[in-house]
């Protein structure tokens, strides 16, 4: 988890078992609470570096990244 997602969860890393991204995010939402769920609604989710959605299947070997929107400029 990065940036505001890490702040809301209170950690940058966790291990959660689930068969799909959606299952894992639901467990994470229950574990970390409303603020995390609110941040999660704005995030992109990647599995092993590829864009994913809630139906994406996962195994214990996969890494899910929770990426909040970023801003920047020159």
PDB file of N, CA and C in Angstrom:
ATOM      1  N   UNK A   1       0.852  -1.166   0.000  1.00  0.00           N
ATOM      2  CA  UNK A   1       0.000   0.000   0.000  1.00  0.00           C
ATOM      3  C   UNK A   1       0.898   1.229   0.000  1.00  0.00           C
ATOM      4  N   UNK A   2       0.435   2.247  -0.686  1.00  0.00           N
ATOM      5  CA  UNK A   2       1.248   3.431  -0.849  1.00  0.00           C
ATOM      6  C   UNK A   2       0.485   4.678  -0.413  1.00  0.00           C
ATOM      7  N   UNK A   3       1.229   5.699  -0.060  1.00  0.00           N
ATOM      8  CA  UNK A   3       0.720   7.044   0.226  1.00  0.00           C
ATOM      9  C   UNK A   3      -0.487   7.023   1.165  1.00  0.00           C
ATOM     10  N   UNK A   4      -1.609   7.603   0.739  1.00  0.00           N
ATOM     11  CA  UNK A   4      -2.781   7.727   1.615  1.00  0.00           C
ATOM     12  C   UNK A   4      -3.369   6.368   2.001  1.00  0.00           C
ATOM     13  N   UNK A   5      -3.216   5.349   1.164  1.00  0.00           N
ATOM     14  CA  UNK A   5      -3.697   4.006   1.525  1.00  0.00           C
ATOM     15  C   UNK A   5      -2.862   3.451   2.677  1.00  0.00           C
ATOM     16  N   UNK A   6      -1.560   3.673   2.633  1.00  0.00           N
ATOM     17  CA  UNK A   6      -0.686   3.226   3.724  1.00  0.00           C
ATOM     18  C   UNK A   6      -1.023   3.961   5.018  1.00  0.00           C
ATOM     19  N   UNK A   7      -1.249   5.257   4.912  1.00  0.00           N
ATOM     20  CA  UNK A   7      -1.609   6.040   6.093  1.00  0.00           C
ATOM     21  C   UNK A   7      -2.928   5.562   6.691  1.00  0.00           C
ATOM     22  N   UNK A   8      -3.915   5.319   5.863  1.00  0.00           N
ATOM     23  CA  UNK A   8      -5.223   4.886   6.349  1.00  0.00           C
ATOM     24  C   UNK A   8      -5.158   3.500   6.989  1.00  0.00           C
ATOM     25  N   UNK A   9      -4.326   2.627   6.442  1.00  0.00           N
ATOM     26  CA  UNK A   9      -4.205   1.263   6.965  1.00  0.00           C
ATOM     27  C   UNK A   9      -3.274   1.199   8.173  1.00  0.00           C
ATOM     28  N   UNK A  10      -2.363   2.150   8.263  1.00  0.00           N
ATOM     29  CA  UNK A  10      -1.390   2.108   9.342  1.00  0.00           C
ATOM     30  C   UNK A  10      -0.242   1.158   9.065  1.00  0.00           C
ATOM     31  N   UNK A  11      -0.157   0.681   7.823  1.00  0.00           N
ATOM     32  CA  UNK A  11       0.910  -0.230   7.418  1.00  0.00           C
ATOM     33  C   UNK A  11       1.063  -0.170   5.904  1.00  0.00           C
ATOM     34  N   UNK A  12       2.224  -0.513   5.418  1.00  0.00           N
ATOM     35  CA  UNK A  12       2.447  -0.549   3.987  1.00  0.00           C
ATOM     36  C   UNK A  12       2.360  -1.945   3.408  1.00  0.00           C
ATOM     37  N   UNK A  13       2.228  -2.934   4.296  1.00  0.00           N
ATOM     38  CA  UNK A  13       2.259  -4.323   3.830  1.00  0.00           C
ATOM     39  C   UNK A  13       1.433  -5.209   4.755  1.00  0.00           C
ATOM     40  N   UNK A  14       0.776  -6.189   4.157  1.00  0.00           N
ATOM     41  CA  UNK A  14       0.005  -7.155   4.934  1.00  0.00           C
ATOM     42  C   UNK A  14      -0.130  -8.419   4.097  1.00  0.00           C
ATOM     43  N   UNK A  15      -0.427  -9.516   4.743  1.00  0.00           N
ATOM     44  CA  UNK A  15      -0.707 -10.769   4.043  1.00  0.00           C
ATOM     45  C   UNK A  15      -2.139 -11.159   4.349  1.00  0.00           C
ATOM     46  N   UNK A  16      -2.945 -11.246   3.292  1.00  0.00           N
ATOM     47  CA  UNK A  16      -4.367 -11.575   3.428  1.00  0.00           C
ATOM     48  C   UNK A  16      -4.688 -12.666   2.425  1.00  0.00           C
ATOM     49  N   UNK A  17      -5.326 -13.719   2.897  1.00  0.00           N
ATOM     50  CA  UNK A  17      -5.712 -14.817   2.006  1.00  0.00           C
ATOM     51  C   UNK A  17      -7.060 -14.527   1.363  1.00  0.00           C
ATOM     52  N   UNK A  18      -7.159 -14.817   0.079  1.00  0.00           N
ATOM     53  CA  UNK A  18      -8.402 -14.685  -0.659  1.00  0.00           C
ATOM     54  C   UNK A  18      -8.209 -15.208  -2.061  1.00  0.00           C
ATOM     55  N   UNK A  19      -9.293 -15.528  -2.738  1.00  0.00           N
ATOM     56  CA  UNK A  19      -9.225 -16.092  -4.081  1.00  0.00           C
ATOM     57  C   UNK A  19      -9.251 -15.029  -5.170  1.00  0.00           C
ATOM     58  N   UNK A  20      -9.779 -13.835  -4.834  1.00  0.00           N
ATOM     59  CA  UNK A  20      -9.842 -12.747  -5.816  1.00  0.00           C
ATOM     60  C   UNK A  20      -9.401 -11.444  -5.156  1.00  0.00           C
ATOM     61  N   UNK A  21      -9.101 -10.477  -5.989  1.00  0.00           N
ATOM     62  CA  UNK A  21      -8.762  -9.149  -5.486  1.00  0.00           C
ATOM     63  C   UNK A  21      -9.912  -8.613  -4.634  1.00  0.00           C
ATOM     64  N   UNK A  22     -11.139  -8.795  -5.081  1.00  0.00           N
ATOM     65  CA  UNK A  22     -12.294  -8.306  -4.345  1.00  0.00           C
ATOM     66  C   UNK A  22     -12.392  -8.890  -2.942  1.00  0.00           C
ATOM     67  N   UNK A  23     -12.137 -10.186  -2.803  1.00  0.00           N
ATOM     68  CA  UNK A  23     -12.169 -10.814  -1.480  1.00  0.00           C
ATOM     69  C   UNK A  23     -11.105 -10.206  -0.570  1.00  0.00           C
ATOM     70  N   UNK A  24      -9.930 -10.029  -1.105  1.00  0.00           N
ATOM     71  CA  UNK A  24      -8.828  -9.475  -0.307  1.00  0.00           C
ATOM     72  C   UNK A  24      -9.114  -8.035   0.091  1.00  0.00           C
ATOM     73  N   UNK A  25      -9.646  -7.236  -0.825  1.00  0.00           N
ATOM     74  CA  UNK A  25      -9.948  -5.840  -0.499  1.00  0.00           C
ATOM     75  C   UNK A  25     -11.074  -5.748   0.528  1.00  0.00           C
ATOM     76  N   UNK A  26     -12.037  -6.661   0.470  1.00  0.00           N
ATOM     77  CA  UNK A  26     -13.119  -6.672   1.463  1.00  0.00           C
ATOM     78  C   UNK A  26     -12.566  -6.982   2.854  1.00  0.00           C
ATOM     79  N   UNK A  27     -11.682  -7.948   2.938  1.00  0.00           N
ATOM     80  CA  UNK A  27     -11.063  -8.286   4.219  1.00  0.00           C
ATOM     81  C   UNK A  27     -10.230  -7.111   4.719  1.00  0.00           C
ATOM     82  N   UNK A  28      -9.469  -6.501   3.824  1.00  0.00           N
ATOM     83  CA  UNK A  28      -8.654  -5.342   4.207  1.00  0.00           C
ATOM     84  C   UNK A  28      -9.541  -4.201   4.695  1.00  0.00           C
ATOM     85  N   UNK A  29     -10.656  -3.966   4.030  1.00  0.00           N
ATOM     86  CA  UNK A  29     -11.582  -2.919   4.453  1.00  0.00           C
ATOM     87  C   UNK A  29     -12.118  -3.167   5.847  1.00  0.00           C
ATOM     88  N   UNK A  30     -12.464  -4.415   6.143  1.00  0.00           N
ATOM     89  CA  UNK A  30     -12.929  -4.767   7.490  1.00  0.00           C
ATOM     90  C   UNK A  30     -11.812  -4.609   8.518  1.00  0.00           C
ATOM     91  N   UNK A  31     -10.612  -4.957   8.129  1.00  0.00           N
ATOM     92  CA  UNK A  31      -9.470  -4.900   9.040  1.00  0.00           C
ATOM     93  C   UNK A  31      -9.059  -3.459   9.341  1.00  0.00           C
ATOM     94  N   UNK A  32      -9.058  -2.605   8.318  1.00  0.00           N
ATOM     95  CA  UNK A  32      -8.497  -1.256   8.467  1.00  0.00           C
ATOM     96  C   UNK A  32      -9.539  -0.156   8.653  1.00  0.00           C
ATOM     97  N   UNK A  33     -10.801  -0.436   8.389  1.00  0.00           N
ATOM     98  CA  UNK A  33     -11.851   0.514   8.715  1.00  0.00           C
ATOM     99  C   UNK A  33     -12.276   1.464   7.611  1.00  0.00           C
ATOM    100  N   UNK A  34     -13.186   2.339   7.997  1.00  0.00           N
ATOM    101  CA  UNK A  34     -13.872   3.248   7.072  1.00  0.00           C
ATOM    102  C   UNK A  34     -12.932   4.171   6.308  1.00  0.00           C
ATOM    103  N   UNK A  35     -11.946   4.734   6.982  1.00  0.00           N
ATOM    104  CA  UNK A  35     -11.032   5.645   6.294  1.00  0.00           C
ATOM    105  C   UNK A  35     -10.306   4.927   5.169  1.00  0.00           C
ATOM    106  N   UNK A  36      -9.871   3.695   5.424  1.00  0.00           N
ATOM    107  CA  UNK A  36      -9.211   2.916   4.386  1.00  0.00           C
ATOM    108  C   UNK A  36     -10.163   2.628   3.234  1.00  0.00           C
ATOM    109  N   UNK A  37     -11.388   2.254   3.542  1.00  0.00           N
ATOM    110  CA  UNK A  37     -12.385   1.971   2.501  1.00  0.00           C
ATOM    111  C   UNK A  37     -12.619   3.210   1.639  1.00  0.00           C
ATOM    112  N   UNK A  38     -12.692   4.378   2.267  1.00  0.00           N
ATOM    113  CA  UNK A  38     -12.884   5.622   1.519  1.00  0.00           C
ATOM    114  C   UNK A  38     -11.713   5.897   0.583  1.00  0.00           C
ATOM    115  N   UNK A  39     -10.500   5.698   1.076  1.00  0.00           N
ATOM    116  CA  UNK A  39      -9.308   5.885   0.235  1.00  0.00           C
ATOM    117  C   UNK A  39      -9.295   4.850  -0.880  1.00  0.00           C
ATOM    118  N   UNK A  40      -9.622   3.629  -0.555  1.00  0.00           N
ATOM    119  CA  UNK A  40      -9.612   2.534  -1.529  1.00  0.00           C
ATOM    120  C   UNK A  40     -10.493   2.843  -2.734  1.00  0.00           C
ATOM    121  N   UNK A  41     -11.583   3.552  -2.516  1.00  0.00           N
ATOM    122  CA  UNK A  41     -12.500   3.891  -3.610  1.00  0.00           C
ATOM    123  C   UNK A  41     -11.839   4.744  -4.684  1.00  0.00           C
ATOM    124  N   UNK A  42     -10.736   5.401  -4.362  1.00  0.00           N
ATOM    125  CA  UNK A  42     -10.043   6.263  -5.332  1.00  0.00           C
ATOM    126  C   UNK A  42      -8.795   5.605  -5.913  1.00  0.00           C
ATOM    127  N   UNK A  43      -8.481   4.404  -5.462  1.00  0.00           N
ATOM    128  CA  UNK A  43      -7.214   3.755  -5.814  1.00  0.00           C
ATOM    129  C   UNK A  43      -7.296   2.884  -7.064  1.00  0.00           C
ATOM    130  N   UNK A  44      -6.144   2.710  -7.677  1.00  0.00           N
ATOM    131  CA  UNK A  44      -5.959   1.693  -8.718  1.00  0.00           C
ATOM    132  C   UNK A  44      -5.383   0.470  -8.039  1.00  0.00           C
ATOM    133  N   UNK A  45      -5.734  -0.691  -8.531  1.00  0.00           N
ATOM    134  CA  UNK A  45      -5.242  -1.941  -7.973  1.00  0.00           C
ATOM    135  C   UNK A  45      -4.450  -2.672  -9.051  1.00  0.00           C
ATOM    136  N   UNK A  46      -3.268  -3.101  -8.681  1.00  0.00           N
ATOM    137  CA  UNK A  46      -2.420  -3.861  -9.586  1.00  0.00           C
ATOM    138  C   UNK A  46      -2.073  -5.190  -8.944  1.00  0.00           C
ATOM    139  N   UNK A  47      -1.978  -6.225  -9.759  1.00  0.00           N
ATOM    140  CA  UNK A  47      -1.514  -7.537  -9.317  1.00  0.00           C
ATOM    141  C   UNK A  47      -0.259  -7.859 -10.106  1.00  0.00           C
ATOM    142  N   UNK A  48       0.827  -8.023  -9.391  1.00  0.00           N
ATOM    143  CA  UNK A  48       2.131  -8.325 -10.011  1.00  0.00           C
ATOM    144  C   UNK A  48       2.486  -7.323 -11.110  1.00  0.00           C
ATOM    145  N   UNK A  49       2.152  -6.060 -10.895  1.00  0.00           N
ATOM    146  CA  UNK A  49       2.508  -5.009 -11.836  1.00  0.00           C
ATOM    147  C   UNK A  49       1.527  -4.793 -12.969  1.00  0.00           C
ATOM    148  N   UNK A  50       0.433  -5.543 -12.989  1.00  0.00           N
ATOM    149  CA  UNK A  50      -0.574  -5.387 -14.036  1.00  0.00           C
ATOM    150  C   UNK A  50      -1.879  -4.861 -13.445  1.00  0.00           C
ATOM    151  N   UNK A  51      -2.548  -3.972 -14.183  1.00  0.00           N
ATOM    152  CA  UNK A  51      -3.833  -3.427 -13.764  1.00  0.00           C
ATOM    153  C   UNK A  51      -4.807  -4.574 -13.492  1.00  0.00           C
ATOM    154  N   UNK A  52      -5.566  -4.467 -12.398  1.00  0.00           N
ATOM    155  CA  UNK A  52      -6.483  -5.538 -12.019  1.00  0.00           C
ATOM    156  C   UNK A  52      -7.806  -4.949 -11.556  1.00  0.00           C
ATOM    157  N   UNK A  53      -8.826  -5.805 -11.461  1.00  0.00           N
ATOM    158  CA  UNK A  53     -10.108  -5.392 -10.888  1.00  0.00           C
ATOM    159  C   UNK A  53     -10.510  -6.427  -9.841  1.00  0.00           C
ATOM    160  N   UNK A  54     -11.673  -6.231  -9.253  1.00  0.00           N
ATOM    161  CA  UNK A  54     -12.091  -7.084  -8.142  1.00  0.00           C
ATOM    162  C   UNK A  54     -12.266  -8.548  -8.524  1.00  0.00           C
ATOM    163  N   UNK A  55     -12.493  -8.834  -9.797  1.00  0.00           N
ATOM    164  CA  UNK A  55     -12.684 -10.227 -10.207  1.00  0.00           C
ATOM    165  C   UNK A  55     -11.371 -10.943 -10.534  1.00  0.00           C
ATOM    166  N   UNK A  56     -10.258 -10.226 -10.505  1.00  0.00           N
ATOM    167  CA  UNK A  56      -8.968 -10.829 -10.828  1.00  0.00           C
ATOM    168  C   UNK A  56      -8.619 -11.910  -9.803  1.00  0.00           C
ATOM    169  N   UNK A  57      -8.360 -13.143 -10.262  1.00  0.00           N
ATOM    170  CA  UNK A  57      -7.977 -14.203  -9.325  1.00  0.00           C
ATOM    171  C   UNK A  57      -6.554 -13.991  -8.822  1.00  0.00           C
ATOM    172  N   UNK A  58      -6.312 -14.404  -7.584  1.00  0.00           N
ATOM    173  CA  UNK A  58      -4.985 -14.295  -6.988  1.00  0.00           C
ATOM    174  C   UNK A  58      -4.652 -15.559  -6.203  1.00  0.00           C
ATOM    175  N   UNK A  59      -3.359 -15.754  -6.005  1.00  0.00           N
ATOM    176  CA  UNK A  59      -2.866 -16.844  -5.158  1.00  0.00           C
ATOM    177  C   UNK A  59      -1.960 -16.234  -4.096  1.00  0.00           C
ATOM    178  N   UNK A  60      -1.467 -17.065  -3.215  1.00  0.00           N
ATOM    179  CA  UNK A  60      -0.578 -16.582  -2.158  1.00  0.00           C
ATOM    180  C   UNK A  60       0.756 -16.084  -2.704  1.00  0.00           C
ATOM    181  N   UNK A  61       1.069 -16.398  -3.933  1.00  0.00           N
ATOM    182  CA  UNK A  61       2.321 -15.949  -4.550  1.00  0.00           C
ATOM    183  C   UNK A  61       2.201 -14.576  -5.199  1.00  0.00           C
ATOM    184  N   UNK A  62       0.983 -14.052  -5.342  1.00  0.00           N
ATOM    185  CA  UNK A  62       0.764 -12.776  -6.019  1.00  0.00           C
ATOM    186  C   UNK A  62       0.949 -11.596  -5.078  1.00  0.00           C
ATOM    187  N   UNK A  63       1.344 -10.470  -5.650  1.00  0.00           N
ATOM    188  CA  UNK A  63       1.458  -9.230  -4.893  1.00  0.00           C
ATOM    189  C   UNK A  63       0.424  -8.244  -5.414  1.00  0.00           C
ATOM    190  N   UNK A  64      -0.409  -7.750  -4.519  1.00  0.00           N
ATOM    191  CA  UNK A  64      -1.423  -6.756  -4.866  1.00  0.00           C
ATOM    192  C   UNK A  64      -0.923  -5.403  -4.398  1.00  0.00           C
ATOM    193  N   UNK A  65      -0.924  -4.434  -5.293  1.00  0.00           N
ATOM    194  CA  UNK A  65      -0.515  -3.069  -4.953  1.00  0.00           C
ATOM    195  C   UNK A  65      -1.746  -2.171  -4.960  1.00  0.00           C
ATOM    196  N   UNK A  66      -1.889  -1.386  -3.904  1.00  0.00           N
ATOM    197  CA  UNK A  66      -2.978  -0.412  -3.771  1.00  0.00           C
ATOM    198  C   UNK A  66      -2.364   0.952  -4.011  1.00  0.00           C
ATOM    199  N   UNK A  67      -2.719   1.572  -5.153  1.00  0.00           N
ATOM    200  CA  UNK A  67      -2.078   2.806  -5.591  1.00  0.00           C
ATOM    201  C   UNK A  67      -3.076   3.962  -5.627  1.00  0.00           C
ATOM    202  N   UNK A  68      -2.998   4.864  -4.653  1.00  0.00           N
ATOM    203  CA  UNK A  68      -3.856   6.043  -4.678  1.00  0.00           C
ATOM    204  C   UNK A  68      -3.474   6.950  -5.846  1.00  0.00           C
ATOM    205  N   UNK A  69      -4.374   7.834  -6.238  1.00  0.00           N
ATOM    206  CA  UNK A  69      -4.033   8.774  -7.308  1.00  0.00           C
ATOM    207  C   UNK A  69      -2.884   9.675  -6.848  1.00  0.00           C
ATOM    208  N   UNK A  70      -2.068  10.058  -7.787  1.00  0.00           N
ATOM    209  CA  UNK A  70      -0.959  10.958  -7.477  1.00  0.00           C
ATOM    210  C   UNK A  70      -1.119  12.241  -8.277  1.00  0.00           C
ATOM    211  N   UNK A  71      -0.593  13.281  -7.744  1.00  0.00           N
ATOM    212  CA  UNK A  71      -0.586  14.527  -8.481  1.00  0.00           C
ATOM    213  C   UNK A  71       0.853  15.017  -8.556  1.00  0.00           C
ATOM    214  N   UNK A  72       1.081  15.834  -9.482  1.00  0.00           N
ATOM    215  CA  UNK A  72       2.420  16.366  -9.644  1.00  0.00           C
ATOM    216  C   UNK A  72       2.448  17.298 -10.820  1.00  0.00           C
ATOM    217  N   UNK A  73       3.563  17.732 -11.115  1.00  0.00           N
ATOM    218  CA  UNK A  73       3.705  18.644 -12.237  1.00  0.00           C
ATOM    219  C   UNK A  73       5.086  19.249 -12.231  1.00  0.00           C
ATOM    220  N   UNK A  74       5.245  20.128 -13.156  1.00  0.00           N
ATOM    221  CA  UNK A  74       6.543  20.764 -13.276  1.00  0.00           C
ATOM    222  C   UNK A  74       6.461  22.216 -12.929  1.00  0.00           C
TER     223      UNK A  74
END
